[in-house]
Amino acid sequence: MANDGSVERSRGIVKFYNGEKGFGFARRENGAPDVFIHANALKRSGIEDGVKTGDKLEFDVLPVDGKGPKADKIRLLAKV
């Protein structure tokens, strides 16, 4: 996360996503910690069908108190 208060935009690949439970994780291209992906963030971003392992994404990285970073404003770059 940038120190100036701006939101970090990152790219990554879906490592795991469970559509029934509505969550998963993406590995970031820059090697930073994985980000949490929630079904609500996908829906807010217009991705109604969810994502699959290997899909390429672009997203904002938001910190979560006491937990790892989460993805928001997700854009699907490529489906597998």
N, C-alpha and C. Protein backbone atom coordinates (compact mmCIF):
# COMPACT_ATOMS: atom_id res chain seq x y z
N MET A 1 0.85 -1.17 0.00
CA MET A 1 0.00 0.00 0.00
C MET A 1 0.89 1.23 0.00
N ALA A 2 0.57 2.19 -0.78
CA ALA A 2 1.36 3.42 -0.84
C ALA A 2 1.21 4.19 0.46
N ASN A 3 2.26 4.91 0.86
CA ASN A 3 2.25 5.64 2.12
C ASN A 3 1.51 6.96 2.04
N ASP A 4 1.18 7.43 0.85
CA ASP A 4 0.54 8.74 0.71
C ASP A 4 -0.99 8.67 0.79
N GLY A 5 -1.52 7.51 1.17
CA GLY A 5 -2.96 7.37 1.31
C GLY A 5 -3.66 6.94 0.03
N SER A 6 -2.93 6.86 -1.08
CA SER A 6 -3.56 6.43 -2.33
C SER A 6 -3.74 4.91 -2.31
N VAL A 7 -4.67 4.43 -3.12
CA VAL A 7 -4.94 3.01 -3.20
C VAL A 7 -3.99 2.38 -4.21
N GLU A 8 -3.45 1.23 -3.86
CA GLU A 8 -2.56 0.51 -4.77
C GLU A 8 -3.39 -0.27 -5.78
N ARG A 9 -3.04 -0.15 -7.05
CA ARG A 9 -3.67 -0.93 -8.11
C ARG A 9 -2.68 -2.04 -8.45
N SER A 10 -3.15 -3.27 -8.54
CA SER A 10 -2.26 -4.40 -8.76
C SER A 10 -2.89 -5.36 -9.76
N ARG A 11 -2.07 -6.26 -10.25
CA ARG A 11 -2.52 -7.35 -11.13
C ARG A 11 -2.16 -8.67 -10.49
N GLY A 12 -2.95 -9.68 -10.81
CA GLY A 12 -2.66 -10.99 -10.25
C GLY A 12 -3.43 -12.08 -10.96
N ILE A 13 -3.20 -13.30 -10.48
CA ILE A 13 -3.83 -14.49 -11.03
C ILE A 13 -4.59 -15.19 -9.91
N VAL A 14 -5.81 -15.63 -10.20
CA VAL A 14 -6.61 -16.32 -9.20
C VAL A 14 -5.93 -17.63 -8.83
N LYS A 15 -5.61 -17.78 -7.54
CA LYS A 15 -5.01 -19.01 -7.01
C LYS A 15 -6.09 -20.03 -6.69
N PHE A 16 -7.20 -19.52 -6.17
CA PHE A 16 -8.28 -20.37 -5.69
C PHE A 16 -9.54 -19.51 -5.57
N TYR A 17 -10.66 -20.05 -5.98
CA TYR A 17 -11.94 -19.38 -5.75
C TYR A 17 -13.03 -20.42 -5.60
N ASN A 18 -13.77 -20.35 -4.50
CA ASN A 18 -14.88 -21.27 -4.23
C ASN A 18 -16.18 -20.50 -4.43
N GLY A 19 -16.85 -20.74 -5.53
CA GLY A 19 -18.08 -20.03 -5.84
C GLY A 19 -19.20 -20.32 -4.86
N GLU A 20 -19.25 -21.53 -4.30
CA GLU A 20 -20.29 -21.88 -3.34
C GLU A 20 -20.11 -21.10 -2.04
N LYS A 21 -18.88 -20.94 -1.59
CA LYS A 21 -18.61 -20.21 -0.36
C LYS A 21 -18.45 -18.71 -0.60
N GLY A 22 -18.16 -18.34 -1.85
CA GLY A 22 -18.10 -16.93 -2.22
C GLY A 22 -16.80 -16.21 -1.87
N PHE A 23 -15.69 -16.95 -1.87
CA PHE A 23 -14.42 -16.28 -1.62
C PHE A 23 -13.27 -17.06 -2.23
N GLY A 24 -12.12 -16.40 -2.30
CA GLY A 24 -10.91 -17.02 -2.81
C GLY A 24 -9.74 -16.08 -2.63
N PHE A 25 -8.64 -16.39 -3.31
CA PHE A 25 -7.42 -15.60 -3.21
C PHE A 25 -6.76 -15.45 -4.57
N ALA A 26 -6.05 -14.34 -4.73
CA ALA A 26 -5.28 -14.09 -5.96
C ALA A 26 -3.83 -13.84 -5.57
N ARG A 27 -2.92 -14.39 -6.36
CA ARG A 27 -1.48 -14.17 -6.19
C ARG A 27 -1.11 -12.94 -7.00
N ARG A 28 -0.48 -11.97 -6.37
CA ARG A 28 -0.10 -10.74 -7.08
C ARG A 28 1.15 -10.95 -7.91
N GLU A 29 1.19 -10.30 -9.08
CA GLU A 29 2.33 -10.40 -9.99
C GLU A 29 3.62 -9.85 -9.38
N ASN A 30 3.50 -8.86 -8.50
CA ASN A 30 4.69 -8.23 -7.94
C ASN A 30 5.26 -8.98 -6.75
N GLY A 31 4.68 -10.14 -6.40
CA GLY A 31 5.21 -10.95 -5.31
C GLY A 31 4.75 -10.52 -3.93
N ALA A 32 3.95 -9.46 -3.84
CA ALA A 32 3.41 -9.01 -2.56
C ALA A 32 2.43 -10.08 -2.05
N PRO A 33 2.03 -9.98 -0.78
CA PRO A 33 1.11 -10.99 -0.23
C PRO A 33 -0.16 -11.15 -1.05
N ASP A 34 -0.69 -12.38 -1.05
CA ASP A 34 -1.93 -12.68 -1.75
C ASP A 34 -3.06 -11.78 -1.25
N VAL A 35 -4.05 -11.57 -2.10
CA VAL A 35 -5.21 -10.77 -1.72
C VAL A 35 -6.45 -11.65 -1.65
N PHE A 36 -7.32 -11.32 -0.73
CA PHE A 36 -8.60 -12.00 -0.53
C PHE A 36 -9.59 -11.47 -1.56
N ILE A 37 -10.34 -12.37 -2.18
CA ILE A 37 -11.38 -11.99 -3.14
C ILE A 37 -12.72 -12.45 -2.57
N HIS A 38 -13.67 -11.53 -2.47
CA HIS A 38 -15.00 -11.88 -1.97
C HIS A 38 -16.02 -11.73 -3.10
N ALA A 39 -17.04 -12.58 -3.07
CA ALA A 39 -18.08 -12.56 -4.10
C ALA A 39 -18.74 -11.18 -4.22
N ASN A 40 -18.93 -10.48 -3.10
CA ASN A 40 -19.56 -9.16 -3.15
C ASN A 40 -18.70 -8.17 -3.93
N ALA A 41 -17.38 -8.25 -3.78
CA ALA A 41 -16.49 -7.36 -4.53
C ALA A 41 -16.57 -7.67 -6.02
N LEU A 42 -16.68 -8.95 -6.37
CA LEU A 42 -16.83 -9.32 -7.78
C LEU A 42 -18.13 -8.78 -8.34
N LYS A 43 -19.22 -8.93 -7.60
CA LYS A 43 -20.53 -8.45 -8.06
C LYS A 43 -20.53 -6.93 -8.21
N ARG A 44 -19.95 -6.21 -7.24
CA ARG A 44 -19.88 -4.75 -7.34
C ARG A 44 -19.09 -4.33 -8.57
N SER A 45 -18.16 -5.19 -8.98
CA SER A 45 -17.31 -4.89 -10.13
C SER A 45 -17.93 -5.35 -11.45
N GLY A 46 -19.13 -5.95 -11.38
CA GLY A 46 -19.81 -6.38 -12.59
C GLY A 46 -19.42 -7.77 -13.06
N ILE A 47 -18.73 -8.53 -12.22
CA ILE A 47 -18.34 -9.90 -12.57
C ILE A 47 -19.32 -10.84 -11.89
N GLU A 48 -20.41 -11.12 -12.57
CA GLU A 48 -21.51 -11.90 -11.98
C GLU A 48 -21.24 -13.40 -11.96
N ASP A 49 -20.42 -13.90 -12.88
CA ASP A 49 -20.20 -15.34 -12.99
C ASP A 49 -19.04 -15.84 -12.13
N GLY A 50 -18.45 -14.98 -11.31
CA GLY A 50 -17.31 -15.37 -10.50
C GLY A 50 -16.05 -15.50 -11.33
N VAL A 51 -15.02 -16.06 -10.72
CA VAL A 51 -13.73 -16.25 -11.37
C VAL A 51 -13.28 -17.69 -11.15
N LYS A 52 -12.27 -18.10 -11.92
CA LYS A 52 -11.73 -19.46 -11.82
C LYS A 52 -10.23 -19.39 -11.64
N THR A 53 -9.67 -20.47 -11.12
CA THR A 53 -8.22 -20.58 -10.97
C THR A 53 -7.55 -20.30 -12.30
N GLY A 54 -6.57 -19.40 -12.28
CA GLY A 54 -5.83 -19.05 -13.49
C GLY A 54 -6.31 -17.78 -14.18
N ASP A 55 -7.51 -17.30 -13.85
CA ASP A 55 -8.00 -16.05 -14.45
C ASP A 55 -7.08 -14.89 -14.05
N LYS A 56 -6.84 -13.98 -14.99
CA LYS A 56 -5.99 -12.81 -14.72
C LYS A 56 -6.88 -11.63 -14.34
N LEU A 57 -6.49 -10.92 -13.28
CA LEU A 57 -7.28 -9.82 -12.75
C LEU A 57 -6.44 -8.57 -12.55
N GLU A 58 -7.12 -7.45 -12.48
CA GLU A 58 -6.55 -6.19 -12.03
C GLU A 58 -7.48 -5.70 -10.93
N PHE A 59 -6.93 -5.13 -9.85
CA PHE A 59 -7.76 -4.77 -8.71
C PHE A 59 -7.07 -3.74 -7.83
N ASP A 60 -7.88 -3.04 -7.04
CA ASP A 60 -7.37 -2.19 -5.98
C ASP A 60 -7.07 -3.09 -4.79
N VAL A 61 -6.02 -2.78 -4.05
CA VAL A 61 -5.65 -3.54 -2.86
C VAL A 61 -6.00 -2.71 -1.64
N LEU A 62 -6.92 -3.24 -0.83
CA LEU A 62 -7.36 -2.55 0.39
C LEU A 62 -6.86 -3.31 1.61
N PRO A 63 -6.37 -2.59 2.63
CA PRO A 63 -5.96 -3.28 3.86
C PRO A 63 -7.19 -3.68 4.66
N VAL A 64 -7.06 -4.73 5.44
CA VAL A 64 -8.12 -5.17 6.33
C VAL A 64 -7.52 -5.26 7.73
N ASP A 65 -8.15 -4.63 8.70
CA ASP A 65 -7.64 -4.66 10.07
C ASP A 65 -7.51 -6.08 10.58
N GLY A 66 -6.30 -6.45 11.00
CA GLY A 66 -6.06 -7.76 11.58
C GLY A 66 -6.00 -8.90 10.58
N LYS A 67 -6.20 -8.62 9.32
CA LYS A 67 -6.17 -9.66 8.29
C LYS A 67 -5.33 -9.16 7.13
N GLY A 68 -5.18 -10.00 6.13
CA GLY A 68 -4.43 -9.61 4.95
C GLY A 68 -5.21 -8.69 4.04
N PRO A 69 -4.59 -8.26 2.96
CA PRO A 69 -5.23 -7.34 2.02
C PRO A 69 -6.37 -8.00 1.25
N LYS A 70 -7.31 -7.17 0.80
CA LYS A 70 -8.42 -7.69 -0.01
C LYS A 70 -8.52 -6.91 -1.30
N ALA A 71 -9.10 -7.56 -2.32
CA ALA A 71 -9.27 -6.96 -3.64
C ALA A 71 -10.60 -6.22 -3.73
N ASP A 72 -10.58 -5.08 -4.42
CA ASP A 72 -11.80 -4.31 -4.67
C ASP A 72 -11.67 -3.69 -6.06
N LYS A 73 -12.78 -3.27 -6.63
CA LYS A 73 -12.80 -2.69 -7.99
C LYS A 73 -12.02 -3.61 -8.94
N ILE A 74 -12.48 -4.83 -9.01
CA ILE A 74 -11.81 -5.90 -9.76
C ILE A 74 -12.18 -5.82 -11.23
N ARG A 75 -11.17 -6.00 -12.07
CA ARG A 75 -11.39 -6.04 -13.53
C ARG A 75 -10.81 -7.35 -14.03
N LEU A 76 -11.61 -8.11 -14.76
CA LEU A 76 -11.18 -9.38 -15.33
C LEU A 76 -10.39 -9.07 -16.61
N LEU A 77 -9.13 -9.48 -16.63
CA LEU A 77 -8.28 -9.22 -17.80
C LEU A 77 -8.32 -10.38 -18.79
N ALA A 78 -8.35 -11.62 -18.26
CA ALA A 78 -8.37 -12.79 -19.15
C ALA A 78 -8.91 -13.99 -18.38
N LYS A 79 -9.80 -14.75 -19.02
CA LYS A 79 -10.31 -15.99 -18.43
C LYS A 79 -9.52 -17.15 -19.01
N VAL A 80 -9.40 -18.22 -18.20
CA VAL A 80 -8.73 -19.43 -18.70
C VAL A 80 -9.72 -20.37 -19.32
